Each structure stands twice: as structure tokens, then as C-alpha cells.
Amino acid sequence: MSNNKKKILLGLTTTSGSNWREKIEEIKKYNIQDIALFLTGIQKKEREELYYLLEKTKIDFIYHIHIRSDMAEKELEYLVKKYRVQALNIHSQRSRFAFPNFPTRFKKITYIENTVVVPTFQELNQFAGVCIDFSHWDVYKFFHWKEYQRMKRVVKQYPIGCCHVSAVRYFKKIRISFDKHKARRQQEFDYLKKYKNYLPQYISLELENSFQEQLVYKKYIESFLN
């Protein structure tokens, strides 16, 4: 893959609206070999089950993992070594899901995501760069104008190592957009056209949709991406 070619990764999400066990079965069905992994919705016992099931698939590369603040260094080590992980992402210390005592040795591959708040320059300086959640960034302009402007400064100054792509749904009657983890139609990804210059090489879909549906959205995004 050339340096200019973008690759879209299907997202194995674990939030309440996502059936991650069914998604693992879809990995087998569609012979999927690489994904992005979002572990934010499950605690340690369920994560252990997920890892056990994932080892029974053909997944051999996970470029990007969204990790949880309750994960120990040993768990991170297992994931990074097992799946050749190149990028981890965490939330900002400004958020309510801040990661306490982050292991120093993983900081060089860890990027801080913009959630409802944008990470500070001070904390970004301690990590590898920024993980852009494009749907969050896009809706800032309706609800958090100062954060929208702050994000524009951040992406000019820090490496973009990974990203989240969710749906953005526009409501005509109130002229406001909201970010959604469950997409309904392809056009909910059109907003990405405004951010093409900021998309990293690997693009992670953060969607609760099945992999069957994600494959459709992936093809649509690819149609205007490369």
C-alpha cells in the first residue's frame, strides 16, 4: 500500500448498542483480517472473553485500539505484541474518562482523542499526537465553538496517528447536526469530504452497525476518498 493510499478499518465496537460477539462471527464469515478495536464499552471479564474469541479468527493485525482507563500495562502489552498494534488512543485528562498513571513505554504510540473537549497542548506534548474524532470535531461548530477553533489549532501542530469516523446526522428543521455511532444512510459520511486533508493513512470506523453494513459504508467512503 502506497503512503498516499488510505485504508478504512471496520470497527469492532463494544458500546451498549453494538453486538460485539456477533461482529466476531462476522469476522469469520467475511474473512476479515484487520480491524480497529474499540474496548470502551466492556470491563475486564468481558474483554478476556473478547480476546479469547478473537484469537479464533484470522485477525492478525489491529492497527488502532481505543483503550479503557482501567486497563493494566500487562493487558496493553498482550494486545500490542499479539496484533502488532501501531496506535492506541485515550481520552483527554479534561474528560471524565481520563487514564490514570499511563505506562510510559506506550506513550510513543498513544494518541489523545478529542471528545466533548479538545486535549490541551500540555498533555499532547507528552504523547505521540492526536486521534481525531471527526464527527465530534464537525459538530463542535454547533455546540462548542471554542473547542472547534481549538481543534483547528491542534491538528496543525500535532501528528495525527489515528482517527474515529462515525455518522453525522443533519436535522433540517433545527439546522443542527449530531454525531451518531449508528449510521442510517451513506450520506451521513459526506461531512468527511471537508476533512480529507486531515485523514490519516488508517481510518477507523467507530460504528455500532454490523460489519455487513459497515462494508457498505466503507465502500461509499472509499468512492470519494482516494
Protein backbone atom coordinates (compact mmCIF):
# COMPACT_ATOMS: atom_id res chain seq x y z
CA MET A 1 0.00 0.00 0.00
CA SER A 2 1.44 3.35 -1.01
CA ASN A 3 1.85 6.09 1.52
CA ASN A 4 -0.93 8.07 -0.19
CA LYS A 5 -3.47 5.24 -0.15
CA LYS A 6 -5.98 5.40 2.68
CA LYS A 7 -7.21 2.19 4.30
CA ILE A 8 -10.55 2.04 6.08
CA LEU A 9 -10.74 -0.33 9.03
CA LEU A 10 -14.02 -1.86 10.13
CA GLY A 11 -14.66 -1.05 13.78
CA LEU A 12 -15.25 -3.76 16.35
CA THR A 13 -17.09 -1.57 18.86
CA THR A 14 -18.28 -2.65 22.31
CA THR A 15 -20.75 0.04 23.37
CA SER A 16 -24.24 -0.95 24.52
CA GLY A 17 -25.71 -0.66 21.01
CA SER A 18 -23.07 -2.92 19.48
CA ASN A 19 -23.24 -6.72 19.50
CA TRP A 20 -19.53 -7.44 19.55
CA ARG A 21 -20.00 -11.21 19.77
CA GLU A 22 -21.96 -11.17 16.51
CA LYS A 23 -19.31 -8.98 14.94
CA ILE A 24 -16.67 -11.58 15.79
CA GLU A 25 -18.79 -14.17 13.99
CA GLU A 26 -18.93 -11.78 11.02
CA ILE A 27 -15.13 -11.62 11.01
CA LYS A 28 -15.15 -15.33 10.25
CA LYS A 29 -17.98 -15.04 7.72
CA TYR A 30 -16.35 -12.27 5.69
CA ASN A 31 -12.76 -13.47 6.22
CA ILE A 32 -11.74 -10.14 7.75
CA GLN A 33 -8.05 -9.96 8.70
CA ASP A 34 -7.60 -6.47 10.09
CA ILE A 35 -9.85 -4.19 12.15
CA ALA A 36 -9.91 -1.27 14.55
CA LEU A 37 -10.87 -2.24 18.09
CA PHE A 38 -12.88 -0.09 20.50
CA LEU A 39 -12.81 -1.54 24.01
CA THR A 40 -14.57 1.33 25.76
CA GLY A 41 -17.84 -0.47 26.49
CA ILE A 42 -16.71 -3.60 28.33
CA GLN A 43 -14.92 -4.38 31.57
CA LYS A 44 -12.07 -6.82 32.16
CA LYS A 45 -14.06 -10.09 32.31
CA GLU A 46 -15.82 -9.41 29.01
CA ARG A 47 -12.59 -8.20 27.44
CA GLU A 48 -11.00 -11.55 28.31
CA GLU A 49 -13.88 -13.29 26.52
CA LEU A 50 -13.46 -11.00 23.52
CA TYR A 51 -9.72 -11.75 23.33
CA TYR A 52 -10.40 -15.50 23.55
CA LEU A 53 -12.94 -15.33 20.70
CA LEU A 54 -10.77 -13.02 18.63
CA GLU A 55 -7.89 -15.49 18.76
CA LYS A 56 -10.13 -17.99 16.98
CA THR A 57 -10.42 -15.70 13.96
CA LYS A 58 -7.92 -14.81 11.22
CA ILE A 59 -7.31 -11.33 12.62
CA ASP A 60 -3.56 -10.84 12.68
CA PHE A 61 -3.25 -7.05 12.60
CA ILE A 62 -5.07 -4.39 14.59
CA TYR A 63 -3.63 -1.03 13.66
CA HIS A 64 -5.61 1.00 16.18
CA ILE A 65 -7.19 0.25 19.57
CA HIS A 66 -9.26 2.61 21.68
CA ILE A 67 -8.31 1.51 25.18
CA ARG A 68 -10.07 1.91 28.53
CA SER A 69 -8.76 3.71 31.59
CA ASP A 70 -8.99 0.52 33.71
CA MET A 71 -6.57 -1.48 31.54
CA ALA A 72 -3.33 -2.63 33.15
CA GLU A 73 0.07 -2.48 31.50
CA LYS A 74 0.14 -6.27 31.05
CA GLU A 75 -3.11 -6.18 29.07
CA LEU A 76 -1.75 -3.45 26.80
CA GLU A 77 1.42 -5.46 26.27
CA TYR A 78 -0.58 -8.52 25.21
CA LEU A 79 -2.56 -6.54 22.64
CA VAL A 80 0.40 -4.65 21.19
CA LYS A 81 2.53 -7.77 20.78
CA LYS A 82 -0.23 -10.11 19.64
CA TYR A 83 -1.72 -7.83 17.00
CA ARG A 84 1.21 -5.57 16.06
CA VAL A 85 -0.74 -2.52 17.23
CA GLN A 86 0.62 0.75 15.88
CA ALA A 87 -1.71 3.22 17.59
CA LEU A 88 -3.54 3.37 20.90
CA ASN A 89 -5.91 6.15 21.81
CA ILE A 90 -7.09 7.52 25.13
CA HIS A 91 -9.28 10.38 26.30
CA SER A 92 -8.02 13.74 27.43
CA GLN A 93 -7.35 14.47 31.08
CA ARG A 94 -10.06 17.10 30.65
CA SER A 95 -12.66 14.34 30.16
CA ARG A 96 -14.39 12.16 32.76
CA PHE A 97 -12.71 9.05 31.35
CA ALA A 98 -9.13 10.14 31.89
CA PHE A 99 -6.46 7.41 32.06
CA PRO A 100 -4.61 7.44 35.42
CA ASN A 101 -0.88 6.64 35.55
CA PHE A 102 -0.45 5.81 31.90
CA PRO A 103 2.52 3.44 31.24
CA THR A 104 5.40 5.50 29.90
CA ARG A 105 6.60 2.89 27.43
CA PHE A 106 3.37 3.04 25.45
CA LYS A 107 3.20 6.83 25.17
CA LYS A 108 5.14 6.82 21.89
CA ILE A 109 2.25 5.02 20.15
CA THR A 110 -0.60 6.66 22.06
CA TYR A 111 -2.76 9.48 20.70
CA ILE A 112 -5.27 11.60 22.59
CA GLU A 113 -8.81 11.83 21.24
CA ASN A 114 -10.98 14.90 21.13
CA THR A 115 -14.25 14.02 22.88
CA VAL A 116 -16.62 16.77 24.04
CA VAL A 117 -13.39 18.60 24.85
CA VAL A 118 -10.13 19.00 22.94
CA PRO A 119 -6.90 17.85 24.63
CA THR A 120 -4.55 20.55 25.85
CA PHE A 121 -1.20 21.28 24.26
CA GLN A 122 0.44 20.38 27.57
CA GLU A 123 -0.86 16.81 27.57
CA LEU A 124 -0.41 16.33 23.82
CA ASN A 125 3.27 17.14 24.30
CA GLN A 126 3.55 14.04 26.50
CA PHE A 127 2.14 11.64 23.90
CA ALA A 128 2.56 10.78 20.22
CA GLY A 129 -0.08 13.19 18.95
CA VAL A 130 -3.80 13.47 18.35
CA CYS A 131 -6.52 10.95 17.50
CA ILE A 132 -9.18 12.89 15.61
CA ASP A 133 -12.79 12.01 16.17
CA PHE A 134 -14.09 13.67 13.02
CA SER A 135 -17.77 13.55 13.96
CA HIS A 136 -17.05 15.27 17.29
CA TRP A 137 -14.99 17.91 15.53
CA ASP A 138 -17.68 18.53 12.96
CA VAL A 139 -20.48 19.10 15.47
CA TYR A 140 -18.36 21.35 17.71
CA LYS A 141 -19.36 24.24 15.45
CA PHE A 142 -22.96 23.91 16.63
CA PHE A 143 -22.36 23.33 20.34
CA HIS A 144 -18.74 24.13 21.27
CA TRP A 145 -17.39 26.86 19.02
CA LYS A 146 -14.31 27.47 21.16
CA GLU A 147 -13.44 23.75 21.02
CA TYR A 148 -13.96 23.81 17.23
CA GLN A 149 -11.40 26.60 16.93
CA ARG A 150 -9.04 24.92 19.40
CA MET A 151 -9.17 21.71 17.36
CA LYS A 152 -8.16 23.59 14.22
CA ARG A 153 -5.02 24.71 16.02
CA VAL A 154 -4.27 21.24 17.42
CA VAL A 155 -4.35 19.44 14.06
CA LYS A 156 -1.89 21.94 12.60
CA GLN A 157 0.65 21.37 15.38
CA TYR A 158 0.49 17.65 16.25
CA PRO A 159 0.83 14.37 14.35
CA ILE A 160 -2.45 12.63 13.51
CA GLY A 161 -1.80 8.97 14.25
CA CYS A 162 -5.31 7.54 14.14
CA CYS A 163 -8.91 8.60 13.96
CA HIS A 164 -12.55 7.78 14.64
CA VAL A 165 -15.20 8.06 11.93
CA SER A 166 -18.86 7.95 12.97
CA ALA A 167 -22.01 9.19 11.26
CA VAL A 168 -23.14 12.83 11.35
CA ARG A 169 -26.88 13.32 11.01
CA TYR A 170 -28.24 16.70 9.96
CA PHE A 171 -31.70 17.78 11.14
CA LYS A 172 -33.11 20.30 8.68
CA LYS A 173 -35.87 21.68 10.90
CA ILE A 174 -33.47 22.84 13.59
CA ARG A 175 -30.42 23.16 11.30
CA ILE A 176 -28.16 21.28 13.66
CA SER A 177 -26.05 18.13 13.24
CA PHE A 178 -25.48 15.38 15.79
CA ASP A 179 -22.82 12.69 15.77
CA LYS A 180 -24.10 9.11 15.84
CA HIS A 181 -22.44 5.74 16.36
CA LYS A 182 -25.27 4.05 14.42
CA ALA A 183 -25.44 5.11 10.78
CA ARG A 184 -28.69 5.05 8.82
CA ARG A 185 -27.58 6.04 5.35
CA GLN A 186 -24.45 6.62 3.31
CA GLN A 187 -24.84 10.39 3.12
CA GLU A 188 -24.16 10.65 6.85
CA PHE A 189 -20.48 10.32 5.95
CA ASP A 190 -20.42 13.14 3.40
CA TYR A 191 -19.09 15.53 6.04
CA LEU A 192 -15.73 13.76 5.75
CA LYS A 193 -15.15 15.45 2.41
CA LYS A 194 -14.37 18.64 4.35
CA TYR A 195 -11.63 16.90 6.32
CA LYS A 196 -9.85 14.86 3.66
CA ASN A 197 -6.56 16.66 4.28
CA TYR A 198 -6.57 15.53 7.91
CA LEU A 199 -7.42 11.86 7.41
CA PRO A 200 -4.54 9.58 8.45
CA GLN A 201 -3.48 6.55 6.43
CA TYR A 202 -5.63 4.21 8.53
CA ILE A 203 -9.22 5.30 9.11
CA SER A 204 -11.18 3.58 11.89
CA LEU A 205 -14.95 3.28 11.64
CA GLU A 206 -16.50 3.78 15.08
CA LEU A 207 -19.90 2.34 14.34
CA GLU A 208 -22.35 0.11 16.15
CA ASN A 209 -23.58 -1.17 12.77
CA SER A 210 -22.91 -4.76 11.79
CA PHE A 211 -19.85 -5.48 9.67
CA GLN A 212 -22.19 -6.27 6.78
CA GLU A 213 -23.48 -2.68 6.98
CA GLN A 214 -20.02 -1.24 7.66
CA LEU A 215 -18.72 -2.83 4.46
CA VAL A 216 -21.32 -0.83 2.53
CA TYR A 217 -20.34 2.42 4.26
CA LYS A 218 -16.67 1.63 3.76
CA LYS A 219 -17.19 1.26 0.01
CA TYR A 220 -19.11 4.55 -0.10
CA ILE A 221 -16.38 6.47 1.75
CA GLU A 222 -13.72 4.95 -0.50
CA SER A 223 -15.62 6.27 -3.53
CA PHE A 224 -14.68 9.85 -2.65
CA LEU A 225 -11.59 9.28 -0.58
CA ASN A 226 -8.74 8.16 -2.85
